[in-house]
Structures are given as structure tokens and as C-alpha cells.
Amino acid sequence: MGVMSGPYVIRGSVSLPEAELMWRFSRSSGPGGQHVNTSDSQVELRFDLAATEALPEVWKARALERLAGRLVGGVVSVRASDHRSQWRNRETAAVRLATLLAEATAPPPKPRRKKRVPRGINERRLREKKQRGETKRGRSGRDW
């Protein structure tokens, strides 16, 4: 096999430290042919988010808050069993973890500022509504 395509960049110059990644391999579930159920191709990747020093403190706090439902003792885990090859599953799991952390550490969106609706737009909307009502009223044949 080859060398893994890491380092897995979270955002900017921050990436997942290879030393802090904990890998576990097990047999994939589901249907398969010869050899497929005997090889440990399912990958579980664990990352101790609470104890890491690789992330800036602000990002770490943000990620801990946003991923609170997924964390078990401050550790986030990702599984991959999409491919038959353990190597490709390792790649997939690492990319999933990096993506998850990138989304969790992203800055919050800017708050929406309310703006006044221009009078012309409001008047046009009301005029079109009235026109539509007239069109519909004209369809009913009451004058018989």
C-alpha cells in the first residue's frame, strides 16, 4: 500500500495531529463474498477533543459545545465501512473527522439585520394580489 494522504487540514494551517488519532479495526457487517467477512475492514477513528492541544482554545470550546451530543467523555468517534479495503476506509474516516471538526469550529454566521421593506415593493405586491383576486372572482359565473 502507499502512504496515507494526510495531514488532514481542518481549516487554515490547523490539521489533525496523527499522534492524537486512535484507530480501531473490526469486521464490517453486511453481505459479502469470499474473504470479505474475514478481513478487518471497518475503521473507527477516535479523537480526544477535550484533551487536544492542536486546536486553538476558541475553536476547541466551540467544537465541544456544538458536538456535545456526539462526544463520549470528550472523545469524538467516526466510523467508516464503505469500502472493502481497510486503507480506503481509513482515508474516508479521517476525511469525515476533519470535515466534522471544520464544521464544528466554523465561526457563527453574522446575525441578520432587519431592514425596512421599500414602500414601492409593498405597494406592487398588494396591487398584484388585488389583480389576482379580480381574475379569480371573474371566473365564477354568478351572473346567469
Protein backbone atom coordinates (compact mmCIF):
# COMPACT_ATOMS: atom_id res chain seq x y z
CA MET A 1 0.00 0.00 0.00
CA GLY A 2 1.00 3.64 -0.07
CA VAL A 3 1.36 6.42 2.42
CA MET A 4 -1.83 7.99 3.78
CA SER A 5 -2.69 11.27 2.12
CA GLY A 6 -2.61 13.25 5.41
CA PRO A 7 -2.17 15.66 7.08
CA TYR A 8 -5.90 16.26 7.20
CA VAL A 9 -6.44 20.01 7.24
CA ILE A 10 -9.29 21.28 9.38
CA ARG A 11 -9.03 24.93 8.36
CA GLY A 12 -6.16 27.22 7.52
CA SER A 13 -2.90 25.88 8.94
CA VAL A 14 -4.61 23.71 11.59
CA SER A 15 -4.65 19.98 10.85
CA LEU A 16 -5.39 16.71 12.66
CA PRO A 17 -2.28 15.54 14.57
CA GLU A 18 -1.50 11.95 13.60
CA ALA A 19 -0.22 11.19 17.13
CA GLU A 20 -3.62 12.02 18.71
CA LEU A 21 -5.68 9.80 16.39
CA MET A 22 -6.76 6.45 17.84
CA TRP A 23 -7.60 3.78 15.27
CA ARG A 24 -9.64 0.61 15.81
CA PHE A 25 -10.42 -2.03 13.21
CA SER A 26 -13.23 -4.57 13.20
CA ARG A 27 -15.12 -6.73 10.75
CA SER A 28 -17.59 -4.91 8.56
CA SER A 29 -21.19 -6.03 8.77
CA GLY A 30 -23.43 -6.77 5.82
CA PRO A 31 -23.32 -9.07 2.83
CA GLY A 32 -20.11 -10.07 1.16
CA GLY A 33 -18.35 -12.80 -0.72
CA GLN A 34 -15.28 -14.84 -0.08
CA HIS A 35 -12.76 -13.19 2.27
CA VAL A 36 -14.86 -10.05 2.82
CA ASN A 37 -16.17 -11.03 6.26
CA THR A 38 -12.82 -12.30 7.47
CA SER A 39 -10.86 -9.09 6.99
CA ASP A 40 -10.96 -6.24 9.49
CA SER A 41 -12.05 -3.53 7.09
CA GLN A 42 -14.35 -1.40 9.27
CA VAL A 43 -12.49 1.53 10.77
CA GLU A 44 -13.33 3.51 13.89
CA LEU A 45 -11.33 6.69 14.35
CA ARG A 46 -11.37 8.37 17.75
CA PHE A 47 -10.07 11.85 18.59
CA ASP A 48 -9.87 13.25 22.13
CA LEU A 49 -11.31 16.70 21.54
CA ALA A 50 -11.29 17.72 25.21
CA ALA A 51 -7.57 16.98 25.74
CA THR A 52 -6.11 18.10 22.39
CA GLU A 53 -3.64 20.92 22.13
CA ALA A 54 -3.77 21.03 18.32
CA LEU A 55 -6.82 23.32 18.18
CA PRO A 56 -6.91 26.94 19.33
CA GLU A 57 -8.86 27.34 22.60
CA VAL A 58 -11.70 29.28 20.92
CA TRP A 59 -12.17 26.57 18.30
CA LYS A 60 -11.98 23.83 20.92
CA ALA A 61 -14.67 25.45 23.08
CA ARG A 62 -16.89 25.98 20.04
CA ALA A 63 -16.44 22.36 18.90
CA LEU A 64 -17.09 20.95 22.39
CA GLU A 65 -20.33 22.93 22.56
CA ARG A 66 -21.56 22.01 19.07
CA LEU A 67 -20.58 18.33 19.24
CA ALA A 68 -21.81 17.79 22.81
CA GLY A 69 -24.34 15.18 21.66
CA ARG A 70 -21.69 13.14 19.83
CA LEU A 71 -18.99 13.20 22.47
CA VAL A 72 -18.35 10.34 24.90
CA GLY A 73 -16.03 11.55 27.64
CA GLY A 74 -14.71 14.35 25.43
CA VAL A 75 -13.85 11.92 22.62
CA VAL A 76 -15.46 12.13 19.18
CA SER A 77 -15.54 8.99 17.05
CA VAL A 78 -16.19 8.39 13.37
CA ARG A 79 -16.78 5.05 11.62
CA ALA A 80 -16.25 4.06 8.03
CA SER A 81 -17.08 0.75 6.37
CA ASP A 82 -17.98 1.98 2.87
CA HIS A 83 -15.12 0.26 1.07
CA ARG A 84 -13.81 -3.30 1.10
CA SER A 85 -10.29 -2.02 1.59
CA GLN A 86 -9.22 -1.07 5.12
CA TRP A 87 -6.91 1.54 3.63
CA ARG A 88 -9.71 3.35 1.82
CA ASN A 89 -11.88 3.15 4.94
CA ARG A 90 -9.05 4.77 6.93
CA GLU A 91 -8.90 7.59 4.40
CA THR A 92 -12.69 8.03 4.49
CA ALA A 93 -12.80 8.09 8.31
CA ALA A 94 -10.00 10.67 8.55
CA VAL A 95 -11.64 12.92 5.95
CA ARG A 96 -15.01 12.61 7.77
CA LEU A 97 -13.42 13.59 11.07
CA ALA A 98 -11.62 16.57 9.52
CA THR A 99 -14.87 17.72 7.87
CA LEU A 100 -16.81 17.29 11.12
CA LEU A 101 -14.27 19.33 13.06
CA ALA A 102 -14.16 22.00 10.33
CA GLU A 103 -17.94 22.45 10.56
CA ALA A 104 -17.90 22.40 14.37
CA THR A 105 -15.14 25.00 14.65
CA ALA A 106 -16.52 27.36 12.00
CA PRO A 107 -17.34 30.86 13.26
CA PRO A 108 -21.02 31.54 13.86
CA PRO A 109 -22.85 33.26 10.98
CA LYS A 110 -23.30 37.01 11.17
CA PRO A 111 -26.63 37.97 12.73
CA ARG A 112 -29.25 39.09 10.25
CA ARG A 113 -30.05 42.76 10.42
CA LYS A 114 -33.68 43.67 9.86
CA LYS A 115 -34.25 46.12 7.04
CA ARG A 116 -37.31 48.07 6.09
CA VAL A 117 -39.21 46.83 3.02
CA PRO A 118 -39.36 49.66 0.44
CA ARG A 119 -42.85 51.12 0.02
CA GLY A 120 -42.87 50.56 -3.76
CA ILE A 121 -42.29 46.82 -3.37
CA ASN A 122 -45.07 46.53 -0.81
CA GLU A 123 -47.50 48.50 -2.99
CA ARG A 124 -46.66 46.39 -6.05
CA ARG A 125 -47.26 43.20 -4.06
CA LEU A 126 -50.65 44.42 -2.87
CA ARG A 127 -51.61 45.56 -6.38
CA GLU A 128 -50.70 42.15 -7.84
CA LYS A 129 -52.68 40.40 -5.09
CA LYS A 130 -55.72 42.52 -5.86
CA GLN A 131 -55.38 41.80 -9.58
CA ARG A 132 -55.13 38.07 -8.93
CA GLY A 133 -58.26 38.23 -6.75
CA GLU A 134 -60.16 40.06 -9.52
CA THR A 135 -59.10 37.38 -12.04
CA LYS A 136 -60.36 34.62 -9.76
CA ARG A 137 -63.58 36.47 -8.94
CA GLY A 138 -64.24 36.85 -12.66
CA ARG A 139 -64.13 33.10 -13.15
CA SER A 140 -67.19 32.38 -11.03
CA GLY A 141 -70.27 32.55 -13.27
CA ARG A 142 -72.74 34.11 -10.82
CA ASP A 143 -74.39 36.41 -13.33
CA TRP A 144 -76.65 33.84 -15.01
